[in-house]
Amino acid sequence: MQRMCLGVLLTFIVGLLAACGGGDSPAGGPPGDALVVRMLYGSEKQAWIEAVTPAFNDQQNQSTGGKPIYVEAVPMGSAESLDLIIAGQDQPAICGPASSILLPIARQRWSSANAGDDLIEDTPPPVVLSPVVIAMWQPMAEALGWPDTPLGWSDIAELTRSGETWADYGHPEWGAFKFGHTHPDYSNSGITSILATTYAATGKTRDLTAAEVQQEEVRDFLAAVESGVIHYGESTGFFGRQMFNRGPGYLSAAVLYENLVVESYDESLYPNRPLPVVAIYPKEGTFWSDHPFAILDAPWVDDELQEAAAQYRDYLLAQSQQEQALAFGFRPADTSIPVSAPIIPENGVDPNEPQTLLEVPEAEVIETVRDIWGETKKRVEVQVILDTSGSMEEEGRLESAKQALNNFIGQLADEDELGIVTFNETTTELTPLSPLGEKRDQVITRVGGLFPGGGTRLIDTVSEVYEEMQDLPRGERIRAIVVLSDGADTESDGTAQALTEMLAQDQEGYSIKVFTIAYGTGSDVDVNLMEAIAESSGARSYQSGPDQIQQVYRDIGTFF
């Protein structure tokens, strides 16, 4: 992994030079007279962008108006960035999602809202490439016949639809087959996953139609693949980190990018990765994550900004920056640069793949696939644990939390199961874990009637809810707990260590994920405890004040 280490070194050196240079600019910001070119881009290429952009800014290239050009690069989920732009909530000059797949819908939505105007050129150039792959632990892939037997989406569907476990392949110690991909509404790899699965169900590689997507056998095929999912999520990187750090008991396979498989061999990032990982290039075909560089044709982007953005694009496509992208596990968009280390078999990938590429469908087809997925996706059993102690009265915390919780309830389908438990110095079941549809209005009304008072019995409440949920029949649903608390525990008999050890002991991948929200801005919030609870269960922890709580609940909802 010498090339990966080189990438890390480059990041450090360029960052150091940026810190030492640019004497006319404030620390961490542009010169006062700069033309700021804002870019929202897919976070998958964050390490590369952060390595090369400071050097561009230090060059102080001149705009057509004679101003030094300064690029402000902001990483975020690809779908999220496009949503913000179309809603007018962010006004960048450049949009750089992970894939062109998202662009047809963005063009259509913008055109509908803006009298037919265009937002993005038809074919913005890619700046780096990385194929979408199924990342799998090498011994598991070999048990399925890899590399001699081509594998793909149909094999995933067969594994989940048949009810087979790894015992059927001679490995009872591996338990059930556990699969993961991100949420199609928020992540590029999520939408590419369900599109590729749909293509596989039809046996086609191009010219997919909405009518074909709506066929019953296609719906059944997609449902079969989704039945193996342990949870969704908004971040491809989160899936990769969890899989590589927690091992095959957490995930057998996940839809990731080739560069993340390469990254898994970087021992500085994953010193305890238990087994080697390989990239499976689905036999039915896959998509490039082609990272288009789209200079927007929007009212806030004038000619000077467009020309400055073009200078930055040309800089990223220059040989030096393209070679640095290769060091981070991406394939250069400049095809004159040969694909070489670290994209080599020793890092679990095949530079000669993929052999079959899928065509990006029309916007109508993408929307239809998304709708069918929404009907066939795996459902959830979620227990919400809400702190109603006296400190929740401060800053209107409880009122904001109640509103956010009701919006979260609105994200769940009628078929999903929801339970709510509140706690102060005692624990109260507001509603039992049961299907939401028949009680939705009643639950929202009961949440609205909550008021603060009393102490904080956090540890014992989480322990009790977790144990009760574990005792229920496992079923075929994503299982999760969402905990919100604004203070340190004052009333529990149990210890944090006992709780986290209990949460960590189930390594079957279907363990209950406990998402935590350390709520409020004061020093009373036990952030370390909330992080330990989430991490021990394989979930995420958040910190939030009343102003951010809506977004936090929305983010948690992407896992379902």
Protein backbone atom coordinates (compact mmCIF):
# COMPACT_ATOMS: atom_id res chain seq x y z
CA MET A 1 0.00 0.00 0.00
CA GLN A 2 2.82 2.42 -0.78
CA ARG A 3 0.65 4.47 -3.12
CA MET A 4 -2.04 4.86 -0.48
CA CYS A 5 0.52 6.06 2.03
CA LEU A 6 1.75 8.50 -0.63
CA GLY A 7 -1.78 9.88 -0.89
CA VAL A 8 -1.91 10.50 2.84
CA LEU A 9 1.51 12.15 2.70
CA LEU A 10 0.40 14.38 -0.18
CA THR A 11 -2.62 15.48 1.82
CA PHE A 12 -0.39 16.47 4.72
CA ILE A 13 2.19 18.27 2.58
CA VAL A 14 -0.34 20.25 0.55
CA GLY A 15 -2.24 21.19 3.70
CA LEU A 16 1.01 22.34 5.31
CA LEU A 17 1.94 24.45 2.28
CA ALA A 18 -1.52 26.00 2.29
CA ALA A 19 -1.13 26.91 5.94
CA CYS A 20 2.25 28.54 5.27
CA GLY A 21 1.34 30.31 2.04
CA GLY A 22 -1.23 32.90 0.97
CA GLY A 23 -0.12 35.69 3.23
CA ASP A 24 -2.80 38.10 2.02
CA SER A 25 -5.68 35.82 2.99
CA PRO A 26 -7.18 35.31 6.46
CA ALA A 27 -6.45 31.95 8.07
CA GLY A 28 -8.67 29.29 6.52
CA GLY A 29 -10.37 31.72 4.13
CA PRO A 30 -10.05 33.60 0.85
CA PRO A 31 -8.26 36.93 0.29
CA GLY A 32 -10.54 39.89 0.85
CA ASP A 33 -10.71 40.73 -2.86
CA ALA A 34 -11.10 37.13 -4.07
CA LEU A 35 -13.71 35.77 -6.42
CA VAL A 36 -15.07 32.85 -4.37
CA VAL A 37 -16.08 29.84 -6.47
CA ARG A 38 -18.28 27.63 -4.30
CA MET A 39 -18.46 23.92 -5.12
CA LEU A 40 -20.70 21.27 -3.57
CA TYR A 41 -19.24 17.85 -4.27
CA GLY A 42 -19.68 14.18 -3.40
CA SER A 43 -17.82 13.39 -0.20
CA GLU A 44 -16.42 10.16 -1.69
CA LYS A 45 -13.58 12.19 -3.25
CA GLN A 46 -13.02 14.45 -0.23
CA ALA A 47 -9.46 13.30 0.47
CA TRP A 48 -8.37 14.05 -3.09
CA ILE A 49 -10.16 17.42 -3.31
CA GLU A 50 -8.72 18.52 0.02
CA ALA A 51 -5.25 17.45 -1.13
CA VAL A 52 -5.22 19.42 -4.39
CA THR A 53 -7.45 22.46 -3.85
CA PRO A 54 -5.22 24.44 -1.42
CA ALA A 55 -2.45 24.48 -4.02
CA PHE A 56 -4.87 25.88 -6.62
CA ASN A 57 -5.99 28.60 -4.22
CA ASP A 58 -2.39 29.50 -3.41
CA GLN A 59 -1.71 30.12 -7.10
CA GLN A 60 -4.15 33.07 -6.96
CA ASN A 61 -5.17 32.57 -10.59
CA GLN A 62 -6.86 35.65 -11.97
CA SER A 63 -10.48 35.85 -13.05
CA THR A 64 -11.55 37.78 -16.15
CA GLY A 65 -12.25 40.67 -13.80
CA GLY A 66 -8.72 40.58 -12.37
CA LYS A 67 -9.65 38.99 -9.01
CA PRO A 68 -7.76 36.09 -7.40
CA ILE A 69 -9.82 32.91 -7.72
CA TYR A 70 -10.54 31.02 -4.47
CA VAL A 71 -12.39 27.69 -4.53
CA GLU A 72 -14.60 26.91 -1.53
CA ALA A 73 -15.16 23.15 -1.75
CA VAL A 74 -17.91 21.69 0.46
CA PRO A 75 -18.33 17.89 0.68
CA MET A 76 -21.80 16.42 1.14
CA GLY A 77 -24.11 13.69 -0.07
CA SER A 78 -24.66 13.91 -3.82
CA ALA A 79 -28.46 13.84 -3.72
CA GLU A 80 -28.54 16.27 -0.81
CA SER A 81 -26.41 18.82 -2.68
CA LEU A 82 -28.71 18.73 -5.71
CA ASP A 83 -31.77 19.08 -3.48
CA LEU A 84 -30.29 22.19 -1.87
CA ILE A 85 -29.48 23.76 -5.24
CA ILE A 86 -32.89 23.09 -6.74
CA ALA A 87 -34.61 24.45 -3.61
CA GLY A 88 -32.47 27.61 -3.75
CA GLN A 89 -31.00 26.90 -0.34
CA ASP A 90 -27.43 26.86 -1.65
CA GLN A 91 -26.01 28.72 -4.65
CA PRO A 92 -22.71 27.20 -5.76
CA ALA A 93 -21.07 27.74 -9.11
CA ILE A 94 -20.10 24.06 -9.37
CA CYS A 95 -21.89 20.84 -8.53
CA GLY A 96 -19.79 17.68 -8.44
CA PRO A 97 -21.94 14.69 -7.46
CA ALA A 98 -20.51 11.20 -7.38
CA SER A 99 -22.35 10.14 -10.52
CA SER A 100 -24.13 11.43 -13.60
CA ILE A 101 -27.07 9.17 -12.68
CA LEU A 102 -28.47 11.93 -10.50
CA LEU A 103 -28.31 14.62 -13.20
CA PRO A 104 -31.37 13.74 -15.37
CA ILE A 105 -33.71 14.11 -12.39
CA ALA A 106 -31.98 17.34 -11.32
CA ARG A 107 -32.36 18.80 -14.82
CA GLN A 108 -36.01 17.82 -14.97
CA ARG A 109 -36.84 19.24 -11.54
CA TRP A 110 -35.01 22.51 -12.24
CA SER A 111 -36.62 22.91 -15.66
CA SER A 112 -40.10 22.35 -14.25
CA ALA A 113 -39.57 24.99 -11.58
CA ASN A 114 -37.82 27.52 -13.83
CA ALA A 115 -39.84 27.81 -17.02
CA GLY A 116 -37.84 25.27 -18.96
CA ASP A 117 -34.40 26.72 -18.24
CA ASP A 118 -31.38 24.44 -18.13
CA LEU A 119 -29.29 24.06 -14.98
CA ILE A 120 -26.57 21.64 -16.11
CA GLU A 121 -25.02 20.95 -19.49
CA ASP A 122 -25.91 17.61 -21.07
CA THR A 123 -22.53 15.90 -20.57
CA PRO A 124 -20.36 17.58 -17.93
CA PRO A 125 -16.89 16.01 -17.96
CA PRO A 126 -15.86 13.49 -15.27
CA VAL A 127 -12.88 14.38 -13.09
CA VAL A 128 -12.25 10.88 -11.67
CA LEU A 129 -13.78 7.44 -12.13
CA SER A 130 -14.60 4.55 -9.81
CA PRO A 131 -16.92 1.65 -10.65
CA VAL A 132 -19.76 0.69 -8.32
CA VAL A 133 -18.95 -2.76 -6.91
CA ILE A 134 -20.22 -5.31 -4.42
CA ALA A 135 -17.54 -5.39 -1.72
CA MET A 136 -17.31 -8.79 -0.04
CA TRP A 137 -14.94 -10.52 2.34
CA GLN A 138 -12.64 -12.66 0.21
CA PRO A 139 -13.33 -16.02 1.96
CA MET A 140 -17.07 -15.43 1.55
CA ALA A 141 -16.69 -14.57 -2.13
CA GLU A 142 -14.59 -17.71 -2.61
CA ALA A 143 -17.29 -19.79 -0.90
CA LEU A 144 -19.69 -18.57 -3.62
CA GLY A 145 -17.24 -19.57 -6.36
CA TRP A 146 -15.32 -16.35 -6.92
CA PRO A 147 -13.11 -15.69 -8.88
CA ASP A 148 -13.80 -18.64 -11.20
CA THR A 149 -17.58 -18.15 -11.12
CA PRO A 150 -18.87 -14.68 -12.07
CA LEU A 151 -21.12 -13.24 -9.37
CA GLY A 152 -23.73 -10.51 -9.44
CA TRP A 153 -27.06 -9.15 -8.32
CA SER A 154 -28.88 -12.40 -9.13
CA ASP A 155 -26.64 -14.25 -6.66
CA ILE A 156 -27.52 -11.73 -3.95
CA ALA A 157 -31.20 -12.20 -4.75
CA GLU A 158 -30.88 -15.99 -4.63
CA LEU A 159 -29.07 -15.92 -1.29
CA THR A 160 -31.74 -13.78 0.32
CA ARG A 161 -34.80 -15.24 -1.45
CA SER A 162 -33.88 -18.89 -0.80
CA GLY A 163 -33.39 -18.45 2.93
CA GLU A 164 -29.96 -20.04 2.60
CA THR A 165 -27.27 -19.17 5.11
CA TRP A 166 -23.51 -19.56 4.99
CA ALA A 167 -24.05 -23.03 6.50
CA ASP A 168 -25.36 -24.10 3.07
CA TYR A 169 -21.94 -23.19 1.69
CA GLY A 170 -20.01 -25.09 4.34
CA HIS A 171 -19.52 -22.23 6.80
CA PRO A 172 -22.09 -22.31 9.63
CA GLU A 173 -19.76 -20.11 11.68
CA TRP A 174 -20.59 -17.15 9.41
CA GLY A 175 -24.31 -17.17 10.23
CA ALA A 176 -26.78 -15.44 7.90
CA PHE A 177 -25.94 -13.50 4.74
CA LYS A 178 -25.98 -9.80 5.60
CA PHE A 179 -26.15 -7.15 2.87
CA GLY A 180 -26.09 -3.35 2.87
CA HIS A 181 -26.45 -0.32 0.62
CA THR A 182 -27.20 3.32 1.19
CA HIS A 183 -30.57 5.06 0.93
CA PRO A 184 -31.45 5.91 -2.70
CA ASP A 185 -32.97 9.26 -1.73
CA TYR A 186 -29.73 10.53 -0.26
CA SER A 187 -26.82 8.63 -1.77
CA ASN A 188 -25.49 7.94 -5.24
CA SER A 189 -24.45 4.38 -4.42
CA GLY A 190 -27.98 3.71 -3.14
CA ILE A 191 -29.70 4.78 -6.36
CA THR A 192 -27.11 2.97 -8.51
CA SER A 193 -27.66 -0.18 -6.45
CA ILE A 194 -31.41 -0.33 -7.05
CA LEU A 195 -31.02 0.66 -10.72
CA ALA A 196 -28.44 -2.08 -11.32
CA THR A 197 -30.66 -4.59 -9.51
CA THR A 198 -33.58 -3.58 -11.73
CA TYR A 199 -31.48 -3.97 -14.87
CA ALA A 200 -30.45 -7.44 -13.67
CA ALA A 201 -34.10 -8.38 -13.13
CA THR A 202 -34.96 -7.46 -16.73
CA GLY A 203 -31.84 -9.01 -18.26
CA LYS A 204 -31.06 -5.72 -20.04
CA THR A 205 -28.10 -3.35 -20.00
CA ARG A 206 -29.70 -0.37 -21.73
CA ASP A 207 -33.03 1.05 -23.00
CA LEU A 208 -34.81 0.31 -19.74
CA THR A 209 -38.44 1.49 -19.73
CA ALA A 210 -40.82 2.44 -16.94
CA ALA A 211 -43.26 -0.28 -18.08
CA GLU A 212 -40.57 -2.96 -17.67
CA VAL A 213 -39.73 -1.68 -14.18
CA GLN A 214 -43.36 -2.09 -13.13
CA GLN A 215 -43.55 -5.80 -14.01
CA GLU A 216 -44.31 -8.10 -11.09
CA GLU A 217 -41.20 -10.25 -11.56
CA VAL A 218 -39.00 -7.14 -11.44
CA ARG A 219 -40.69 -6.02 -8.25
CA ASP A 220 -40.18 -9.48 -6.72
CA PHE A 221 -36.50 -9.56 -7.71
CA LEU A 222 -35.87 -6.14 -6.14
CA ALA A 223 -37.73 -7.18 -2.99
CA ALA A 224 -35.59 -10.33 -2.75
CA VAL A 225 -32.35 -8.33 -2.83
CA GLU A 226 -33.68 -5.79 -0.33
CA SER A 227 -34.72 -8.51 2.12
CA GLY A 228 -31.05 -9.12 2.94
CA VAL A 229 -30.36 -5.49 3.90
CA ILE A 230 -29.46 -4.91 7.57
CA HIS A 231 -30.05 -1.15 7.31
CA TYR A 232 -29.73 1.72 4.85
CA GLY A 233 -27.87 5.01 5.35
CA GLU A 234 -26.90 8.29 3.68
CA SER A 235 -23.15 7.71 3.47
CA THR A 236 -21.30 5.12 1.40
CA GLY A 237 -18.20 5.88 3.42
CA PHE A 238 -20.02 5.01 6.66
CA PHE A 239 -20.90 1.57 5.29
CA GLY A 240 -17.29 1.02 4.26
CA ARG A 241 -15.87 2.07 7.62
CA GLN A 242 -18.35 -0.04 9.56
CA MET A 243 -17.78 -3.10 7.40
CA PHE A 244 -13.98 -2.89 7.48
CA ASN A 245 -13.79 -2.10 11.20
CA ARG A 246 -16.50 -4.42 12.55
CA GLY A 247 -15.86 -7.41 10.35
CA PRO A 248 -17.96 -10.09 8.63
CA GLY A 249 -20.30 -10.47 11.59
CA TYR A 250 -21.64 -7.00 10.79
CA LEU A 251 -21.83 -7.22 6.98
CA SER A 252 -21.13 -9.98 4.50
CA ALA A 253 -21.24 -7.60 1.54
CA ALA A 254 -22.09 -4.00 0.70
CA VAL A 255 -22.50 -1.83 -2.38
CA LEU A 256 -19.48 0.47 -2.35
CA TYR A 257 -17.06 2.08 -4.76
CA GLU A 258 -13.88 0.43 -5.99
CA ASN A 259 -11.75 3.16 -4.40
CA LEU A 260 -13.15 2.24 -0.96
CA VAL A 261 -12.08 -1.38 -1.45
CA VAL A 262 -8.58 -0.12 -2.30
CA GLU A 263 -8.70 2.11 0.78
CA SER A 264 -9.51 -0.89 2.99
CA TYR A 265 -5.94 -2.13 2.43
CA ASP A 266 -4.48 1.02 3.99
CA GLU A 267 -3.28 -0.25 7.36
CA SER A 268 -3.04 3.29 8.73
CA LEU A 269 -6.84 3.55 8.32
CA TYR A 270 -7.83 -0.05 9.08
CA PRO A 271 -5.14 -1.65 11.24
CA ASN A 272 -7.56 -4.29 12.56
CA ARG A 273 -9.43 -5.28 9.39
CA PRO A 274 -10.04 -8.98 10.07
CA LEU A 275 -10.03 -10.35 6.49
CA PRO A 276 -9.15 -9.16 2.99
CA VAL A 277 -11.93 -7.57 0.95
CA VAL A 278 -12.51 -8.03 -2.78
CA ALA A 279 -14.51 -6.06 -5.32
CA ILE A 280 -17.12 -8.05 -7.20
CA TYR A 281 -17.95 -6.43 -10.54
CA PRO A 282 -21.52 -7.67 -11.08
CA LYS A 283 -21.81 -10.03 -14.03
CA GLU A 284 -25.05 -8.34 -15.15
CA GLY A 285 -23.30 -4.97 -15.33
CA THR A 286 -22.65 -1.92 -13.19
CA PHE A 287 -22.25 1.86 -13.38
CA TRP A 288 -19.29 4.15 -13.26
CA SER A 289 -19.22 6.57 -10.40
CA ASP A 290 -17.96 9.19 -12.86
CA HIS A 291 -17.88 12.33 -10.65
CA PRO A 292 -19.07 14.88 -13.23
CA PHE A 293 -17.85 18.47 -12.91
CA ALA A 294 -20.97 20.54 -13.64
CA ILE A 295 -20.60 24.32 -13.96
CA LEU A 296 -24.10 25.58 -13.27
CA ASP A 297 -26.08 27.75 -15.65
CA ALA A 298 -28.04 29.43 -12.88
CA PRO A 299 -29.00 33.09 -12.28
CA TRP A 300 -26.36 33.49 -9.56
CA VAL A 301 -23.51 32.21 -11.77
CA ASP A 302 -22.30 35.02 -14.04
CA ASP A 303 -19.78 34.78 -16.87
CA GLU A 304 -16.83 35.62 -14.59
CA LEU A 305 -17.76 32.83 -12.16
CA GLN A 306 -18.23 30.33 -14.99
CA GLU A 307 -14.82 31.12 -16.43
CA ALA A 308 -13.18 30.85 -13.00
CA ALA A 309 -14.90 27.49 -12.43
CA ALA A 310 -13.56 26.32 -15.80
CA GLN A 311 -10.01 27.20 -14.69
CA TYR A 312 -10.43 25.01 -11.61
CA ARG A 313 -11.88 22.18 -13.73
CA ASP A 314 -8.88 22.30 -16.07
CA TYR A 315 -6.59 22.25 -13.03
CA LEU A 316 -8.25 19.08 -11.68
CA LEU A 317 -7.93 17.41 -15.09
CA ALA A 318 -4.24 18.26 -15.43
CA GLN A 319 -1.79 15.36 -15.21
CA SER A 320 -0.40 16.14 -11.76
CA GLN A 321 -3.81 16.23 -10.08
CA GLN A 322 -5.00 13.18 -12.00
CA GLU A 323 -1.98 11.21 -10.79
CA GLN A 324 -2.77 12.25 -7.23
CA ALA A 325 -6.33 10.96 -7.71
CA LEU A 326 -4.86 7.59 -8.67
CA ALA A 327 -2.91 7.57 -5.39
CA PHE A 328 -6.27 7.80 -3.59
CA GLY A 329 -7.65 4.75 -5.40
CA PHE A 330 -9.54 6.56 -8.19
CA ARG A 331 -9.12 5.88 -11.88
CA PRO A 332 -8.03 9.04 -13.70
CA ALA A 333 -10.54 10.65 -16.02
CA ASP A 334 -7.54 11.39 -18.25
CA THR A 335 -7.29 8.10 -20.14
CA SER A 336 -3.70 8.86 -21.18
CA ILE A 337 -2.67 8.09 -17.59
CA PRO A 338 -2.44 4.30 -17.21
CA VAL A 339 -4.35 2.63 -14.39
CA SER A 340 -1.71 1.29 -12.00
CA ALA A 341 -1.05 0.84 -8.27
CA PRO A 342 -2.92 0.98 -5.98
CA ILE A 343 -5.61 -0.33 -8.38
CA ILE A 344 -4.10 -3.81 -8.47
CA PRO A 345 -5.30 -7.33 -7.56
CA GLU A 346 -3.24 -7.25 -4.37
CA ASN A 347 -5.68 -4.59 -3.15
CA GLY A 348 -8.77 -6.65 -3.97
CA VAL A 349 -9.61 -4.99 -7.30
CA ASP A 350 -9.27 -5.75 -11.01
CA PRO A 351 -8.05 -2.95 -13.32
CA ASN A 352 -9.52 -4.86 -16.31
CA GLU A 353 -13.04 -4.62 -14.93
CA PRO A 354 -15.85 -3.71 -15.31
CA GLN A 355 -16.60 -5.53 -18.55
CA THR A 356 -20.29 -4.60 -18.77
CA LEU A 357 -21.56 -1.08 -18.19
CA LEU A 358 -25.18 -0.08 -17.75
CA GLU A 359 -26.81 2.86 -19.47
CA VAL A 360 -28.11 5.72 -17.32
CA PRO A 361 -31.91 5.61 -17.81
CA GLU A 362 -34.24 8.52 -18.44
CA ALA A 363 -35.45 10.53 -15.45
CA GLU A 364 -38.92 8.93 -15.61
CA VAL A 365 -37.40 5.45 -15.34
CA ILE A 366 -35.19 6.43 -12.41
CA GLU A 367 -38.19 7.87 -10.58
CA THR A 368 -40.22 4.70 -11.26
CA VAL A 369 -37.44 2.48 -9.90
CA ARG A 370 -37.29 4.67 -6.80
CA ASP A 371 -41.05 4.36 -6.30
CA ILE A 372 -40.96 0.57 -6.64
CA TRP A 373 -38.08 0.42 -4.16
CA GLY A 374 -40.13 2.48 -1.71
CA GLU A 375 -42.87 -0.15 -1.92
CA THR A 376 -40.54 -3.16 -1.64
CA LYS A 377 -37.83 -1.88 0.74
CA LYS A 378 -37.20 -3.60 4.02
CA ARG A 379 -39.43 -2.27 6.81
CA VAL A 380 -38.32 -1.15 10.25
CA GLU A 381 -39.00 -1.81 13.91
CA VAL A 382 -37.85 1.32 15.77
CA GLN A 383 -38.08 2.21 19.43
CA VAL A 384 -37.68 5.90 20.25
CA ILE A 385 -36.39 6.76 23.74
CA LEU A 386 -37.04 10.41 24.61
CA ASP A 387 -35.63 12.32 27.60
CA THR A 388 -38.35 14.40 29.32
CA SER A 389 -36.29 15.37 32.39
CA GLY A 390 -36.45 18.86 33.86
CA SER A 391 -33.45 20.14 31.92
CA MET A 392 -35.35 19.58 28.67
CA GLU A 393 -37.30 22.75 29.51
CA GLU A 394 -34.21 24.89 28.86
CA GLU A 395 -33.96 26.61 25.47
CA GLY A 396 -37.28 25.08 24.48
CA ARG A 397 -35.48 21.76 23.97
CA LEU A 398 -38.43 19.47 24.51
CA GLU A 399 -40.73 21.47 22.23
CA SER A 400 -38.18 21.34 19.41
CA ALA A 401 -37.56 17.64 20.03
CA LYS A 402 -41.29 16.89 19.94
CA GLN A 403 -41.76 18.67 16.64
CA ALA A 404 -38.73 16.90 15.14
CA LEU A 405 -39.96 13.52 16.43
CA ASN A 406 -43.36 14.02 14.83
CA ASN A 407 -41.66 14.86 11.52
CA PHE A 408 -39.58 11.70 11.92
CA ILE A 409 -42.79 9.73 12.44
CA GLY A 410 -44.00 11.25 9.18
CA GLN A 411 -41.03 9.65 7.37
CA LEU A 412 -42.12 6.15 8.42
CA ALA A 413 -44.53 4.04 6.40
CA ASP A 414 -47.79 2.67 7.78
CA GLU A 415 -46.25 -0.83 7.65
CA ASP A 416 -43.28 0.19 9.84
CA GLU A 417 -43.47 -0.57 13.55
CA LEU A 418 -42.88 2.20 16.12
CA GLY A 419 -42.65 2.29 19.88
CA ILE A 420 -41.94 5.34 22.07
CA VAL A 421 -40.61 5.33 25.62
CA THR A 422 -40.04 8.48 27.67
CA PHE A 423 -37.90 8.81 30.76
CA ASN A 424 -36.98 11.17 33.58
CA GLU A 425 -36.33 9.50 36.95
CA THR A 426 -38.82 6.83 35.83
CA THR A 427 -39.58 5.16 32.50
CA THR A 428 -42.95 5.38 30.74
CA GLU A 429 -44.16 3.57 27.63
CA LEU A 430 -45.93 6.16 25.51
CA THR A 431 -46.87 3.63 22.83
CA PRO A 432 -45.86 -0.04 22.38
CA LEU A 433 -43.88 -1.33 19.43
CA SER A 434 -46.59 -2.00 16.85
CA PRO A 435 -47.58 -1.04 13.26
CA LEU A 436 -47.68 2.73 12.89
CA GLY A 437 -50.50 3.14 10.38
CA GLU A 438 -53.36 2.32 12.73
CA LYS A 439 -52.13 4.64 15.48
CA ARG A 440 -50.24 7.43 13.69
CA ASP A 441 -52.58 10.31 14.64
CA GLN A 442 -52.87 9.10 18.24
CA VAL A 443 -49.08 8.88 18.62
CA ILE A 444 -48.56 12.40 17.26
CA THR A 445 -51.17 13.73 19.70
CA ARG A 446 -49.53 11.96 22.66
CA VAL A 447 -46.09 13.28 21.73
CA GLY A 448 -47.54 16.78 21.62
CA GLY A 449 -48.74 16.42 25.22
CA LEU A 450 -45.34 15.67 26.77
CA PHE A 451 -43.83 18.11 29.28
CA PRO A 452 -40.48 18.23 31.13
CA GLY A 453 -39.71 17.42 34.76
CA GLY A 454 -37.62 15.17 36.99
CA GLY A 455 -34.20 13.49 36.81
CA THR A 456 -32.39 11.45 34.17
CA ARG A 457 -32.59 7.63 34.14
CA LEU A 458 -30.75 7.08 30.86
CA ILE A 459 -28.61 3.92 31.18
CA ASP A 460 -31.27 1.74 32.80
CA THR A 461 -33.92 2.86 30.29
CA VAL A 462 -31.77 2.03 27.28
CA SER A 463 -30.84 -1.34 28.82
CA GLU A 464 -34.45 -2.27 29.52
CA VAL A 465 -35.75 -1.24 26.09
CA TYR A 466 -32.87 -3.07 24.37
CA GLU A 467 -33.41 -6.28 26.33
CA GLU A 468 -37.18 -6.22 25.73
CA MET A 469 -36.62 -5.70 22.01
CA GLN A 470 -34.11 -8.55 21.89
CA ASP A 471 -36.69 -10.86 23.46
CA LEU A 472 -39.20 -10.16 20.67
CA PRO A 473 -39.25 -12.47 17.62
CA ARG A 474 -36.60 -11.22 15.21
CA GLY A 475 -38.87 -11.06 12.18
CA GLU A 476 -37.72 -9.67 8.84
CA ARG A 477 -37.25 -6.00 9.67
CA ILE A 478 -34.50 -3.50 10.31
CA ARG A 479 -34.33 -3.15 14.10
CA ALA A 480 -33.25 0.11 15.74
CA ILE A 481 -33.48 2.29 18.81
CA VAL A 482 -33.18 6.09 18.71
CA VAL A 483 -32.16 7.73 22.00
CA LEU A 484 -32.33 11.49 22.68
CA SER A 485 -31.03 12.91 25.95
CA ASP A 486 -29.71 16.30 27.04
CA GLY A 487 -28.02 15.37 30.32
CA ALA A 488 -25.81 13.06 32.32
CA ASP A 489 -27.41 10.06 34.01
CA THR A 490 -28.50 10.81 37.59
CA GLU A 491 -30.85 7.93 38.42
CA SER A 492 -29.65 4.60 36.98
CA ASP A 493 -28.38 1.61 38.92
CA GLY A 494 -26.55 0.07 35.95
CA THR A 495 -23.21 1.22 34.57
CA ALA A 496 -22.17 2.56 31.19
CA GLN A 497 -19.63 -0.26 30.84
CA ALA A 498 -22.25 -2.96 31.38
CA LEU A 499 -24.55 -1.32 28.85
CA THR A 500 -21.94 -0.96 26.10
CA GLU A 501 -20.69 -4.51 26.65
CA MET A 502 -24.23 -5.81 26.21
CA LEU A 503 -24.74 -3.80 23.02
CA ALA A 504 -21.43 -4.99 21.55
CA GLN A 505 -21.83 -8.71 22.18
CA ASP A 506 -24.23 -9.49 19.32
CA GLN A 507 -22.07 -9.89 16.22
CA GLU A 508 -24.72 -11.36 13.96
CA GLY A 509 -25.33 -8.20 11.95
CA TYR A 510 -29.01 -8.21 12.88
CA SER A 511 -28.29 -6.74 16.28
CA ILE A 512 -30.33 -3.71 17.27
CA LYS A 513 -28.61 -0.51 16.17
CA VAL A 514 -28.83 2.19 18.84
CA PHE A 515 -28.63 5.70 17.38
CA THR A 516 -28.01 8.42 19.95
CA ILE A 517 -28.54 12.18 20.01
CA ALA A 518 -26.60 14.20 22.57
CA TYR A 519 -29.02 17.09 22.75
CA GLY A 520 -28.45 20.65 23.86
CA THR A 521 -25.54 23.07 24.03
CA GLY A 522 -24.62 22.86 27.71
CA SER A 523 -21.84 20.96 29.42
CA ASP A 524 -24.33 18.61 31.10
CA VAL A 525 -24.63 16.50 27.94
CA ASP A 526 -22.63 13.29 28.35
CA VAL A 527 -21.35 13.17 24.77
CA ASN A 528 -18.85 10.40 25.48
CA LEU A 529 -21.53 8.10 26.87
CA MET A 530 -23.86 8.75 23.93
CA GLU A 531 -21.04 8.05 21.46
CA ALA A 532 -20.06 4.85 23.29
CA ILE A 533 -23.66 3.55 23.20
CA ALA A 534 -24.00 4.15 19.46
CA GLU A 535 -20.58 2.87 18.45
CA SER A 536 -20.86 -0.32 20.51
CA SER A 537 -24.06 -1.23 18.63
CA GLY A 538 -22.72 -0.35 15.17
CA ALA A 539 -24.82 2.81 14.79
CA ARG A 540 -24.06 6.56 14.69
CA SER A 541 -24.08 9.24 17.35
CA TYR A 542 -25.10 12.85 16.78
CA GLN A 543 -24.71 16.12 18.67
CA SER A 544 -27.47 18.64 18.21
CA GLY A 545 -29.09 21.75 19.59
CA PRO A 546 -32.75 22.67 19.03
CA ASP A 547 -31.88 24.39 15.74
CA GLN A 548 -30.37 21.24 14.21
CA ILE A 549 -32.61 18.51 15.63
CA GLN A 550 -34.90 18.34 12.58
CA GLN A 551 -31.91 17.57 10.37
CA VAL A 552 -30.55 14.97 12.80
CA TYR A 553 -33.83 13.04 12.85
CA ARG A 554 -33.91 13.25 9.05
CA ASP A 555 -30.38 11.81 8.86
CA ILE A 556 -31.30 8.95 11.18
CA GLY A 557 -34.33 8.28 9.00
CA THR A 558 -32.03 7.54 6.06
CA PHE A 559 -30.97 4.30 7.78
CA PHE A 560 -34.53 3.02 7.42
